[in-house]
Amino acid sequence: MPTYWSLHSSGGEGDGYWREYTLFEWQVRMSLGHGYRPNHLPREVFAPDLTRDGSMDEFADAILGDISEMYLAGTLPAHGTNGERSIMVGGSSVLYRYRVDPGTDRFYIGTFFVNLG
């Protein structure tokens, strides 16, 4: 799959580390420091160490690839919505949570973790 995104900016550190990408006319901001960590505890249940499944860049690329596919298919979520999507990274099913800004073409990826369910 071609790459339809480029790194726009980044900042923060540790759990607060983020990157913002330009994907077509959209901006996608990911909380990578929060999602990419071995001790992630979604819903108060211990999740497997997702850092064993790939690098931070591989997770970011998988999420951006999924959003690109939705864009190209004309199936992006509506502005003002949020939800979860499942992707595969390193042989594991991974969920990411998103929010689409109500007034601008911006995606926010708040977290991602191994799908336990």
PDB file of N, CA and C in Angstrom:
ATOM      1  N   MET A   1       0.849  -1.185   0.000  1.00  0.00           N
ATOM      2  CA  MET A   1       0.000   0.000   0.000  1.00  0.00           C
ATOM      3  C   MET A   1       0.889   1.241   0.000  1.00  0.00           C
ATOM      4  N   PRO A   2       0.610   2.194  -0.860  1.00  0.00           N
ATOM      5  CA  PRO A   2       1.368   3.445  -0.850  1.00  0.00           C
ATOM      6  C   PRO A   2       1.167   4.192   0.469  1.00  0.00           C
ATOM      7  N   THR A   3       2.118   5.028   0.804  1.00  0.00           N
ATOM      8  CA  THR A   3       2.021   5.864   1.993  1.00  0.00           C
ATOM      9  C   THR A   3       1.371   7.188   1.610  1.00  0.00           C
ATOM     10  N   TYR A   4       0.261   7.505   2.256  1.00  0.00           N
ATOM     11  CA  TYR A   4      -0.501   8.715   1.959  1.00  0.00           C
ATOM     12  C   TYR A   4      -0.340   9.779   3.042  1.00  0.00           C
ATOM     13  N   TRP A   5       0.627   9.617   3.933  1.00  0.00           N
ATOM     14  CA  TRP A   5       0.771  10.534   5.049  1.00  0.00           C
ATOM     15  C   TRP A   5       2.227  10.960   5.218  1.00  0.00           C
ATOM     16  N   SER A   6       2.377  12.056   5.951  1.00  0.00           N
ATOM     17  CA  SER A   6       3.712  12.532   6.300  1.00  0.00           C
ATOM     18  C   SER A   6       3.666  13.091   7.716  1.00  0.00           C
ATOM     19  N   LEU A   7       4.791  13.011   8.389  1.00  0.00           N
ATOM     20  CA  LEU A   7       4.880  13.546   9.743  1.00  0.00           C
ATOM     21  C   LEU A   7       4.828  15.064   9.672  1.00  0.00           C
ATOM     22  N   HIS A   8       3.940  15.642  10.455  1.00  0.00           N
ATOM     23  CA  HIS A   8       3.777  17.096  10.486  1.00  0.00           C
ATOM     24  C   HIS A   8       4.523  17.702  11.671  1.00  0.00           C
ATOM     25  N   SER A   9       4.330  17.110  12.866  1.00  0.00           N
ATOM     26  CA  SER A   9       4.994  17.609  14.065  1.00  0.00           C
ATOM     27  C   SER A   9       4.937  16.541  15.154  1.00  0.00           C
ATOM     28  N   SER A  10       5.691  16.765  16.221  1.00  0.00           N
ATOM     29  CA  SER A  10       5.666  15.858  17.370  1.00  0.00           C
ATOM     30  C   SER A  10       6.045  16.646  18.609  1.00  0.00           C
ATOM     31  N   GLY A  11       5.738  16.078  19.766  1.00  0.00           N
ATOM     32  CA  GLY A  11       6.068  16.764  21.008  1.00  0.00           C
ATOM     33  C   GLY A  11       5.767  15.903  22.209  1.00  0.00           C
ATOM     34  N   GLY A  12       6.026  16.455  23.371  1.00  0.00           N
ATOM     35  CA  GLY A  12       5.806  15.738  24.620  1.00  0.00           C
ATOM     36  C   GLY A  12       6.886  14.705  24.857  1.00  0.00           C
ATOM     37  N   GLU A  13       6.734  13.976  25.948  1.00  0.00           N
ATOM     38  CA  GLU A  13       7.679  12.913  26.265  1.00  0.00           C
ATOM     39  C   GLU A  13       6.995  11.879  27.137  1.00  0.00           C
ATOM     40  N   GLY A  14       7.576  10.694  27.214  1.00  0.00           N
ATOM     41  CA  GLY A  14       6.995   9.615  28.012  1.00  0.00           C
ATOM     42  C   GLY A  14       5.572   9.317  27.568  1.00  0.00           C
ATOM     43  N   ASP A  15       4.671   9.141  28.534  1.00  0.00           N
ATOM     44  CA  ASP A  15       3.267   8.848  28.224  1.00  0.00           C
ATOM     45  C   ASP A  15       2.592   9.990  27.468  1.00  0.00           C
ATOM     46  N   GLY A  16       3.157  11.185  27.522  1.00  0.00           N
ATOM     47  CA  GLY A  16       2.579  12.344  26.843  1.00  0.00           C
ATOM     48  C   GLY A  16       3.128  12.584  25.441  1.00  0.00           C
ATOM     49  N   TYR A  17       3.968  11.666  24.933  1.00  0.00           N
ATOM     50  CA  TYR A  17       4.542  11.846  23.595  1.00  0.00           C
ATOM     51  C   TYR A  17       3.456  11.712  22.533  1.00  0.00           C
ATOM     52  N   TRP A  18       3.429  12.635  21.569  1.00  0.00           N
ATOM     53  CA  TRP A  18       2.450  12.608  20.481  1.00  0.00           C
ATOM     54  C   TRP A  18       3.128  12.937  19.159  1.00  0.00           C
ATOM     55  N   ARG A  19       2.482  12.507  18.098  1.00  0.00           N
ATOM     56  CA  ARG A  19       2.876  12.881  16.738  1.00  0.00           C
ATOM     57  C   ARG A  19       1.633  13.317  15.990  1.00  0.00           C
ATOM     58  N   GLU A  20       1.818  14.284  15.098  1.00  0.00           N
ATOM     59  CA  GLU A  20       0.730  14.716  14.231  1.00  0.00           C
ATOM     60  C   GLU A  20       1.158  14.512  12.784  1.00  0.00           C
ATOM     61  N   TYR A  21       0.282  13.890  12.026  1.00  0.00           N
ATOM     62  CA  TYR A  21       0.536  13.560  10.632  1.00  0.00           C
ATOM     63  C   TYR A  21      -0.447  14.301   9.733  1.00  0.00           C
ATOM     64  N   THR A  22      -0.021  14.562   8.515  1.00  0.00           N
ATOM     65  CA  THR A  22      -0.914  15.043   7.472  1.00  0.00           C
ATOM     66  C   THR A  22      -1.232  13.850   6.589  1.00  0.00           C
ATOM     67  N   LEU A  23      -2.525  13.577   6.412  1.00  0.00           N
ATOM     68  CA  LEU A  23      -3.000  12.459   5.608  1.00  0.00           C
ATOM     69  C   LEU A  23      -4.071  13.025   4.673  1.00  0.00           C
ATOM     70  N   PHE A  24      -3.717  13.140   3.401  1.00  0.00           N
ATOM     71  CA  PHE A  24      -4.568  13.866   2.462  1.00  0.00           C
ATOM     72  C   PHE A  24      -4.783  15.265   3.044  1.00  0.00           C
ATOM     73  N   GLU A  25      -6.018  15.746   3.137  1.00  0.00           N
ATOM     74  CA  GLU A  25      -6.243  17.073   3.732  1.00  0.00           C
ATOM     75  C   GLU A  25      -6.517  16.992   5.239  1.00  0.00           C
ATOM     76  N   TRP A  26      -6.399  15.819   5.812  1.00  0.00           N
ATOM     77  CA  TRP A  26      -6.681  15.604   7.230  1.00  0.00           C
ATOM     78  C   TRP A  26      -5.413  15.729   8.067  1.00  0.00           C
ATOM     79  N   GLN A  27      -5.613  16.103   9.337  1.00  0.00           N
ATOM     80  CA  GLN A  27      -4.561  16.043  10.344  1.00  0.00           C
ATOM     81  C   GLN A  27      -4.921  14.897  11.293  1.00  0.00           C
ATOM     82  N   VAL A  28      -3.943  14.070  11.612  1.00  0.00           N
ATOM     83  CA  VAL A  28      -4.150  12.937  12.515  1.00  0.00           C
ATOM     84  C   VAL A  28      -3.159  13.071  13.659  1.00  0.00           C
ATOM     85  N   ARG A  29      -3.680  13.256  14.859  1.00  0.00           N
ATOM     86  CA  ARG A  29      -2.817  13.376  16.041  1.00  0.00           C
ATOM     87  C   ARG A  29      -2.937  12.110  16.868  1.00  0.00           C
ATOM     88  N   MET A  30      -1.782  11.480  17.148  1.00  0.00           N
ATOM     89  CA  MET A  30      -1.749  10.223  17.900  1.00  0.00           C
ATOM     90  C   MET A  30      -1.016  10.385  19.214  1.00  0.00           C
ATOM     91  N   SER A  31      -1.614   9.852  20.264  1.00  0.00           N
ATOM     92  CA  SER A  31      -0.963   9.790  21.571  1.00  0.00           C
ATOM     93  C   SER A  31      -0.133   8.511  21.615  1.00  0.00           C
ATOM     94  N   LEU A  32       1.019   8.543  20.970  1.00  0.00           N
ATOM     95  CA  LEU A  32       1.845   7.344  20.863  1.00  0.00           C
ATOM     96  C   LEU A  32       2.488   6.962  22.192  1.00  0.00           C
ATOM     97  N   GLY A  33       2.873   7.932  22.996  1.00  0.00           N
ATOM     98  CA  GLY A  33       3.478   7.615  24.289  1.00  0.00           C
ATOM     99  C   GLY A  33       2.521   6.890  25.210  1.00  0.00           C
ATOM    100  N   HIS A  34       1.252   7.237  25.114  1.00  0.00           N
ATOM    101  CA  HIS A  34       0.242   6.567  25.937  1.00  0.00           C
ATOM    102  C   HIS A  34      -0.045   5.153  25.427  1.00  0.00           C
ATOM    103  N   GLY A  35      -0.189   5.008  24.118  1.00  0.00           N
ATOM    104  CA  GLY A  35      -0.543   3.706  23.563  1.00  0.00           C
ATOM    105  C   GLY A  35       0.607   2.724  23.535  1.00  0.00           C
ATOM    106  N   TYR A  36       1.788   3.194  23.151  1.00  0.00           N
ATOM    107  CA  TYR A  36       2.924   2.294  22.954  1.00  0.00           C
ATOM    108  C   TYR A  36       3.725   2.157  24.252  1.00  0.00           C
ATOM    109  N   ARG A  37       3.278   1.256  25.094  1.00  0.00           N
ATOM    110  CA  ARG A  37       3.979   0.986  26.350  1.00  0.00           C
ATOM    111  C   ARG A  37       3.652  -0.438  26.798  1.00  0.00           C
ATOM    112  N   PRO A  38       4.599  -1.086  27.441  1.00  0.00           N
ATOM    113  CA  PRO A  38       4.399  -2.501  27.795  1.00  0.00           C
ATOM    114  C   PRO A  38       3.394  -2.724  28.916  1.00  0.00           C
ATOM    115  N   ASN A  39       3.106  -1.722  29.726  1.00  0.00           N
ATOM    116  CA  ASN A  39       2.238  -1.913  30.894  1.00  0.00           C
ATOM    117  C   ASN A  39       0.871  -1.280  30.715  1.00  0.00           C
ATOM    118  N   HIS A  40       0.348  -1.322  29.500  1.00  0.00           N
ATOM    119  CA  HIS A  40      -0.942  -0.699  29.216  1.00  0.00           C
ATOM    120  C   HIS A  40      -2.063  -1.519  29.846  1.00  0.00           C
ATOM    121  N   LEU A  41      -2.954  -0.839  30.549  1.00  0.00           N
ATOM    122  CA  LEU A  41      -4.027  -1.519  31.284  1.00  0.00           C
ATOM    123  C   LEU A  41      -5.401  -1.045  30.828  1.00  0.00           C
ATOM    124  N   PRO A  42      -5.897  -1.497  29.666  1.00  0.00           N
ATOM    125  CA  PRO A  42      -7.238  -1.075  29.252  1.00  0.00           C
ATOM    126  C   PRO A  42      -8.313  -1.743  30.104  1.00  0.00           C
ATOM    127  N   ARG A  43      -9.304  -0.958  30.455  1.00  0.00           N
ATOM    128  CA  ARG A  43     -10.468  -1.465  31.202  1.00  0.00           C
ATOM    129  C   ARG A  43     -10.068  -2.254  32.451  1.00  0.00           C
ATOM    130  N   GLU A  44      -8.991  -1.827  33.093  1.00  0.00           N
ATOM    131  CA  GLU A  44      -8.535  -2.439  34.348  1.00  0.00           C
ATOM    132  C   GLU A  44      -8.128  -3.908  34.200  1.00  0.00           C
ATOM    133  N   VAL A  45      -7.852  -4.355  32.992  1.00  0.00           N
ATOM    134  CA  VAL A  45      -7.408  -5.728  32.758  1.00  0.00           C
ATOM    135  C   VAL A  45      -6.016  -5.659  32.161  1.00  0.00           C
ATOM    136  N   PHE A  46      -5.111  -6.496  32.642  1.00  0.00           N
ATOM    137  CA  PHE A  46      -3.757  -6.470  32.101  1.00  0.00           C
ATOM    138  C   PHE A  46      -3.768  -6.902  30.640  1.00  0.00           C
ATOM    139  N   ALA A  47      -3.183  -6.092  29.795  1.00  0.00           N
ATOM    140  CA  ALA A  47      -3.076  -6.400  28.369  1.00  0.00           C
ATOM    141  C   ALA A  47      -1.670  -6.915  28.075  1.00  0.00           C
ATOM    142  N   PRO A  48      -1.549  -7.822  27.131  1.00  0.00           N
ATOM    143  CA  PRO A  48      -0.217  -8.288  26.743  1.00  0.00           C
ATOM    144  C   PRO A  48       0.657  -7.123  26.275  1.00  0.00           C
ATOM    145  N   ASP A  49       1.949  -7.295  26.393  1.00  0.00           N
ATOM    146  CA  ASP A  49       2.935  -6.285  26.026  1.00  0.00           C
ATOM    147  C   ASP A  49       2.944  -6.099  24.518  1.00  0.00           C
ATOM    148  N   LEU A  50       2.302  -5.045  24.028  1.00  0.00           N
ATOM    149  CA  LEU A  50       2.224  -4.839  22.580  1.00  0.00           C
ATOM    150  C   LEU A  50       3.554  -4.405  21.979  1.00  0.00           C
ATOM    151  N   THR A  51       4.508  -3.957  22.809  1.00  0.00           N
ATOM    152  CA  THR A  51       5.808  -3.560  22.262  1.00  0.00           C
ATOM    153  C   THR A  51       6.554  -4.749  21.671  1.00  0.00           C
ATOM    154  N   ARG A  52       6.113  -5.962  21.979  1.00  0.00           N
ATOM    155  CA  ARG A  52       6.712  -7.169  21.378  1.00  0.00           C
ATOM    156  C   ARG A  52       6.209  -7.405  19.958  1.00  0.00           C
ATOM    157  N   ASP A  53       5.098  -6.749  19.586  1.00  0.00           N
ATOM    158  CA  ASP A  53       4.483  -6.974  18.279  1.00  0.00           C
ATOM    159  C   ASP A  53       4.998  -6.039  17.193  1.00  0.00           C
ATOM    160  N   GLY A  54       5.697  -4.986  17.575  1.00  0.00           N
ATOM    161  CA  GLY A  54       6.205  -4.069  16.566  1.00  0.00           C
ATOM    162  C   GLY A  54       6.737  -2.797  17.182  1.00  0.00           C
ATOM    163  N   SER A  55       7.363  -2.000  16.365  1.00  0.00           N
ATOM    164  CA  SER A  55       7.903  -0.719  16.820  1.00  0.00           C
ATOM    165  C   SER A  55       6.779   0.319  16.893  1.00  0.00           C
ATOM    166  N   MET A  56       7.074   1.431  17.525  1.00  0.00           N
ATOM    167  CA  MET A  56       6.107   2.529  17.582  1.00  0.00           C
ATOM    168  C   MET A  56       5.709   2.951  16.169  1.00  0.00           C
ATOM    169  N   ASP A  57       6.687   3.019  15.272  1.00  0.00           N
ATOM    170  CA  ASP A  57       6.399   3.408  13.886  1.00  0.00           C
ATOM    171  C   ASP A  57       5.489   2.401  13.192  1.00  0.00           C
ATOM    172  N   GLU A  58       5.665   1.109  13.465  1.00  0.00           N
ATOM    173  CA  GLU A  58       4.796   0.101  12.843  1.00  0.00           C
ATOM    174  C   GLU A  58       3.350   0.250  13.304  1.00  0.00           C
ATOM    175  N   PHE A  59       3.147   0.577  14.577  1.00  0.00           N
ATOM    176  CA  PHE A  59       1.783   0.812  15.065  1.00  0.00           C
ATOM    177  C   PHE A  59       1.194   2.069  14.431  1.00  0.00           C
ATOM    178  N   ALA A  60       1.982   3.140  14.390  1.00  0.00           N
ATOM    179  CA  ALA A  60       1.497   4.380  13.773  1.00  0.00           C
ATOM    180  C   ALA A  60       1.152   4.138  12.306  1.00  0.00           C
ATOM    181  N   ASP A  61       2.025   3.436  11.583  1.00  0.00           N
ATOM    182  CA  ASP A  61       1.772   3.170  10.164  1.00  0.00           C
ATOM    183  C   ASP A  61       0.527   2.314   9.955  1.00  0.00           C
ATOM    184  N   ALA A  62       0.296   1.340  10.834  1.00  0.00           N
ATOM    185  CA  ALA A  62      -0.898   0.487  10.704  1.00  0.00           C
ATOM    186  C   ALA A  62      -2.170   1.305  10.916  1.00  0.00           C
ATOM    187  N   ILE A  63      -2.167   2.197  11.900  1.00  0.00           N
ATOM    188  CA  ILE A  63      -3.337   3.048  12.154  1.00  0.00           C
ATOM    189  C   ILE A  63      -3.553   4.006  10.989  1.00  0.00           C
ATOM    190  N   LEU A  64      -2.482   4.656  10.535  1.00  0.00           N
ATOM    191  CA  LEU A  64      -2.594   5.574   9.400  1.00  0.00           C
ATOM    192  C   LEU A  64      -3.025   4.841   8.133  1.00  0.00           C
ATOM    193  N   GLY A  65      -2.552   3.621   7.948  1.00  0.00           N
ATOM    194  CA  GLY A  65      -2.985   2.824   6.800  1.00  0.00           C
ATOM    195  C   GLY A  65      -4.474   2.530   6.853  1.00  0.00           C
ATOM    196  N   ASP A  66      -4.982   2.227   8.043  1.00  0.00           N
ATOM    197  CA  ASP A  66      -6.417   1.961   8.199  1.00  0.00           C
ATOM    198  C   ASP A  66      -7.239   3.211   7.895  1.00  0.00           C
ATOM    199  N   ILE A  67      -6.805   4.354   8.410  1.00  0.00           N
ATOM    200  CA  ILE A  67      -7.521   5.603   8.126  1.00  0.00           C
ATOM    201  C   ILE A  67      -7.451   5.927   6.634  1.00  0.00           C
ATOM    202  N   SER A  68      -6.304   5.677   6.003  1.00  0.00           N
ATOM    203  CA  SER A  68      -6.163   5.896   4.554  1.00  0.00           C
ATOM    204  C   SER A  68      -7.152   5.046   3.769  1.00  0.00           C
ATOM    205  N   GLU A  69      -7.282   3.782   4.157  1.00  0.00           N
ATOM    206  CA  GLU A  69      -8.224   2.891   3.474  1.00  0.00           C
ATOM    207  C   GLU A  69      -9.651   3.401   3.601  1.00  0.00           C
ATOM    208  N   MET A  70     -10.022   3.882   4.797  1.00  0.00           N
ATOM    209  CA  MET A  70     -11.367   4.445   4.968  1.00  0.00           C
ATOM    210  C   MET A  70     -11.540   5.675   4.081  1.00  0.00           C
ATOM    211  N   TYR A  71     -10.534   6.536   4.046  1.00  0.00           N
ATOM    212  CA  TYR A  71     -10.597   7.746   3.218  1.00  0.00           C
ATOM    213  C   TYR A  71     -10.808   7.375   1.748  1.00  0.00           C
ATOM    214  N   LEU A  72     -10.000   6.463   1.252  1.00  0.00           N
ATOM    215  CA  LEU A  72     -10.074   6.078  -0.166  1.00  0.00           C
ATOM    216  C   LEU A  72     -11.394   5.400  -0.512  1.00  0.00           C
ATOM    217  N   ALA A  73     -11.982   4.698   0.468  1.00  0.00           N
ATOM    218  CA  ALA A  73     -13.269   4.019   0.251  1.00  0.00           C
ATOM    219  C   ALA A  73     -14.457   4.943   0.496  1.00  0.00           C
ATOM    220  N   GLY A  74     -14.193   6.165   0.973  1.00  0.00           N
ATOM    221  CA  GLY A  74     -15.290   7.092   1.266  1.00  0.00           C
ATOM    222  C   GLY A  74     -16.075   6.716   2.505  1.00  0.00           C
ATOM    223  N   THR A  75     -15.415   6.047   3.467  1.00  0.00           N
ATOM    224  CA  THR A  75     -16.115   5.560   4.655  1.00  0.00           C
ATOM    225  C   THR A  75     -15.555   6.130   5.955  1.00  0.00           C
ATOM    226  N   LEU A  76     -14.936   7.320   5.894  1.00  0.00           N
ATOM    227  CA  LEU A  76     -14.446   7.926   7.128  1.00  0.00           C
ATOM    228  C   LEU A  76     -15.612   8.178   8.080  1.00  0.00           C
ATOM    229  N   PRO A  77     -15.378   8.034   9.389  1.00  0.00           N
ATOM    230  CA  PRO A  77     -16.440   8.351  10.343  1.00  0.00           C
ATOM    231  C   PRO A  77     -16.842   9.819  10.232  1.00  0.00           C
ATOM    232  N   ALA A  78     -18.067  10.105  10.579  1.00  0.00           N
ATOM    233  CA  ALA A  78     -18.588  11.472  10.500  1.00  0.00           C
ATOM    234  C   ALA A  78     -17.900  12.383  11.512  1.00  0.00           C
ATOM    235  N   HIS A  79     -17.835  13.660  11.181  1.00  0.00           N
ATOM    236  CA  HIS A  79     -17.303  14.647  12.116  1.00  0.00           C
ATOM    237  C   HIS A  79     -18.098  14.587  13.417  1.00  0.00           C
ATOM    238  N   GLY A  80     -17.388  14.719  14.530  1.00  0.00           N
ATOM    239  CA  GLY A  80     -18.031  14.724  15.833  1.00  0.00           C
ATOM    240  C   GLY A  80     -18.282  13.346  16.424  1.00  0.00           C
ATOM    241  N   THR A  81     -17.796  12.293  15.772  1.00  0.00           N
ATOM    242  CA  THR A  81     -18.007  10.935  16.282  1.00  0.00           C
ATOM    243  C   THR A  81     -16.725  10.396  16.902  1.00  0.00           C
ATOM    244  N   ASN A  82     -16.891   9.307  17.640  1.00  0.00           N
ATOM    245  CA  ASN A  82     -15.736   8.593  18.179  1.00  0.00           C
ATOM    246  C   ASN A  82     -16.040   7.113  18.160  1.00  0.00           C
ATOM    247  N   GLY A  83     -15.006   6.308  18.326  1.00  0.00           N
ATOM    248  CA  GLY A  83     -15.207   4.869  18.312  1.00  0.00           C
ATOM    249  C   GLY A  83     -13.900   4.117  18.411  1.00  0.00           C
ATOM    250  N   GLU A  84     -13.983   2.836  18.094  1.00  0.00           N
ATOM    251  CA  GLU A  84     -12.825   1.948  18.106  1.00  0.00           C
ATOM    252  C   GLU A  84     -12.740   1.226  16.776  1.00  0.00           C
ATOM    253  N   ARG A  85     -11.510   0.929  16.367  1.00  0.00           N
ATOM    254  CA  ARG A  85     -11.276   0.132  15.161  1.00  0.00           C
ATOM    255  C   ARG A  85     -10.212  -0.893  15.465  1.00  0.00           C
ATOM    256  N   SER A  86     -10.276  -1.995  14.759  1.00  0.00           N
ATOM    257  CA  SER A  86      -9.328  -3.085  14.948  1.00  0.00           C
ATOM    258  C   SER A  86      -8.374  -3.158  13.760  1.00  0.00           C
ATOM    259  N   ILE A  87      -7.094  -3.347  14.051  1.00  0.00           N
ATOM    260  CA  ILE A  87      -6.069  -3.521  13.033  1.00  0.00           C
ATOM    261  C   ILE A  87      -5.194  -4.701  13.446  1.00  0.00           C
ATOM    262  N   MET A  88      -4.393  -5.199  12.526  1.00  0.00           N
ATOM    263  CA  MET A  88      -3.427  -6.251  12.833  1.00  0.00           C
ATOM    264  C   MET A  88      -2.027  -5.658  12.816  1.00  0.00           C
ATOM    265  N   VAL A  89      -1.258  -5.947  13.866  1.00  0.00           N
ATOM    266  CA  VAL A  89       0.136  -5.529  13.942  1.00  0.00           C
ATOM    267  C   VAL A  89       0.926  -6.699  14.507  1.00  0.00           C
ATOM    268  N   GLY A  90       1.909  -7.165  13.748  1.00  0.00           N
ATOM    269  CA  GLY A  90       2.772  -8.240  14.235  1.00  0.00           C
ATOM    270  C   GLY A  90       2.037  -9.503  14.620  1.00  0.00           C
ATOM    271  N   GLY A  91       0.937  -9.799  13.966  1.00  0.00           N
ATOM    272  CA  GLY A  91       0.178 -11.001  14.255  1.00  0.00           C
ATOM    273  C   GLY A  91      -0.842 -10.846  15.375  1.00  0.00           C
ATOM    274  N   SER A  92      -0.928  -9.692  15.990  1.00  0.00           N
ATOM    275  CA  SER A  92      -1.901  -9.460  17.063  1.00  0.00           C
ATOM    276  C   SER A  92      -2.990  -8.501  16.601  1.00  0.00           C
ATOM    277  N   SER A  93      -4.197  -8.748  17.085  1.00  0.00           N
ATOM    278  CA  SER A  93      -5.297  -7.827  16.856  1.00  0.00           C
ATOM    279  C   SER A  93      -5.153  -6.684  17.856  1.00  0.00           C
ATOM    280  N   VAL A  94      -5.175  -5.468  17.336  1.00  0.00           N
ATOM    281  CA  VAL A  94      -4.980  -4.279  18.154  1.00  0.00           C
ATOM    282  C   VAL A  94      -6.162  -3.339  17.941  1.00  0.00           C
ATOM    283  N   LEU A  95      -6.709  -2.818  19.026  1.00  0.00           N
ATOM    284  CA  LEU A  95      -7.781  -1.820  18.949  1.00  0.00           C
ATOM    285  C   LEU A  95      -7.182  -0.434  19.118  1.00  0.00           C
ATOM    286  N   TYR A  96      -7.683   0.506  18.332  1.00  0.00           N
ATOM    287  CA  TYR A  96      -7.338   1.902  18.589  1.00  0.00           C
ATOM    288  C   TYR A  96      -8.623   2.688  18.747  1.00  0.00           C
ATOM    289  N   ARG A  97      -8.559   3.692  19.599  1.00  0.00           N
ATOM    290  CA  ARG A  97      -9.709   4.559  19.851  1.00  0.00           C
ATOM    291  C   ARG A  97      -9.486   5.895  19.167  1.00  0.00           C
ATOM    292  N   TYR A  98     -10.540   6.383  18.531  1.00  0.00           N
ATOM    293  CA  TYR A  98     -10.420   7.630  17.782  1.00  0.00           C
ATOM    294  C   TYR A  98     -11.555   8.580  18.135  1.00  0.00           C
ATOM    295  N   ARG A  99     -11.311   9.831  17.827  1.00  0.00           N
ATOM    296  CA  ARG A  99     -12.335  10.872  17.891  1.00  0.00           C
ATOM    297  C   ARG A  99     -12.130  11.743  16.663  1.00  0.00           C
ATOM    298  N   VAL A 100     -13.222  12.082  15.986  1.00  0.00           N
ATOM    299  CA  VAL A 100     -13.158  12.961  14.826  1.00  0.00           C
ATOM    300  C   VAL A 100     -13.682  14.323  15.261  1.00  0.00           C
ATOM    301  N   ASP A 101     -12.862  15.337  15.053  1.00  0.00           N
ATOM    302  CA  ASP A 101     -13.232  16.690  15.459  1.00  0.00           C
ATOM    303  C   ASP A 101     -14.559  17.088  14.801  1.00  0.00           C
ATOM    304  N   PRO A 102     -15.445  17.758  15.547  1.00  0.00           N
ATOM    305  CA  PRO A 102     -16.742  18.132  14.966  1.00  0.00           C
ATOM    306  C   PRO A 102     -16.663  19.206  13.886  1.00  0.00           C
ATOM    307  N   GLY A 103     -15.637  20.067  13.919  1.00  0.00           N
ATOM    308  CA  GLY A 103     -15.634  21.193  12.992  1.00  0.00           C
ATOM    309  C   GLY A 103     -14.494  21.233  11.992  1.00  0.00           C
ATOM    310  N   THR A 104     -13.495  20.368  12.153  1.00  0.00           N
ATOM    311  CA  THR A 104     -12.344  20.381  11.245  1.00  0.00           C
ATOM    312  C   THR A 104     -12.010  18.963  10.808  1.00  0.00           C
ATOM    313  N   ASP A 105     -11.166  18.853   9.810  1.00  0.00           N
ATOM    314  CA  ASP A 105     -10.739  17.541   9.324  1.00  0.00           C
ATOM    315  C   ASP A 105      -9.557  17.049  10.162  1.00  0.00           C
ATOM    316  N   ARG A 106      -9.867  16.691  11.412  1.00  0.00           N
ATOM    317  CA  ARG A 106      -8.855  16.219  12.353  1.00  0.00           C
ATOM    318  C   ARG A 106      -9.311  14.939  13.032  1.00  0.00           C
ATOM    319  N   PHE A 107      -8.421  13.962  13.057  1.00  0.00           N
ATOM    320  CA  PHE A 107      -8.598  12.718  13.794  1.00  0.00           C
ATOM    321  C   PHE A 107      -7.721  12.786  15.032  1.00  0.00           C
ATOM    322  N   TYR A 108      -8.212  12.295  16.137  1.00  0.00           N
ATOM    323  CA  TYR A 108      -7.408  12.150  17.344  1.00  0.00           C
ATOM    324  C   TYR A 108      -7.390  10.670  17.710  1.00  0.00           C
ATOM    325  N   ILE A 109      -6.208  10.106  17.835  1.00  0.00           N
ATOM    326  CA  ILE A 109      -6.050   8.721  18.270  1.00  0.00           C
ATOM    327  C   ILE A 109      -5.567   8.793  19.707  1.00  0.00           C
ATOM    328  N   GLY A 110      -6.464   8.447  20.641  1.00  0.00           N
ATOM    329  CA  GLY A 110      -6.154   8.591  22.060  1.00  0.00           C
ATOM    330  C   GLY A 110      -5.354   7.452  22.643  1.00  0.00           C
ATOM    331  N   THR A 111      -5.564   6.240  22.130  1.00  0.00           N
ATOM    332  CA  THR A 111      -4.875   5.088  22.676  1.00  0.00           C
ATOM    333  C   THR A 111      -4.994   3.916  21.716  1.00  0.00           C
ATOM    334  N   PHE A 112      -4.185   2.913  21.946  1.00  0.00           N
ATOM    335  CA  PHE A 112      -4.295   1.636  21.241  1.00  0.00           C
ATOM    336  C   PHE A 112      -3.738   0.556  22.163  1.00  0.00           C
ATOM    337  N   PHE A 113      -4.264  -0.667  22.010  1.00  0.00           N
ATOM    338  CA  PHE A 113      -3.872  -1.762  22.904  1.00  0.00           C
ATOM    339  C   PHE A 113      -4.266  -3.083  22.255  1.00  0.00           C
ATOM    340  N   VAL A 114      -3.645  -4.157  22.757  1.00  0.00           N
ATOM    341  CA  VAL A 114      -3.954  -5.499  22.250  1.00  0.00           C
ATOM    342  C   VAL A 114      -5.402  -5.810  22.564  1.00  0.00           C
ATOM    343  N   ASN A 115      -6.117  -6.311  21.562  1.00  0.00           N
ATOM    344  CA  ASN A 115      -7.532  -6.655  21.699  1.00  0.00           C
ATOM    345  C   ASN A 115      -7.643  -7.961  22.485  1.00  0.00           C
ATOM    346  N   LEU A 116      -8.223  -7.886  23.657  1.00  0.00           N
ATOM    347  CA  LEU A 116      -8.371  -9.060  24.506  1.00  0.00           C
ATOM    348  C   LEU A 116      -9.679  -9.802  24.273  1.00  0.00           C
ATOM    349  N   GLY A 117     -10.514  -9.237  23.402  1.00  0.00           N
ATOM    350  CA  GLY A 117     -11.825  -9.750  23.352  1.00  0.00           C
ATOM    351  C   GLY A 117     -12.346 -10.492  22.278  1.00  0.00           C
TER     352      GLY A 117
END
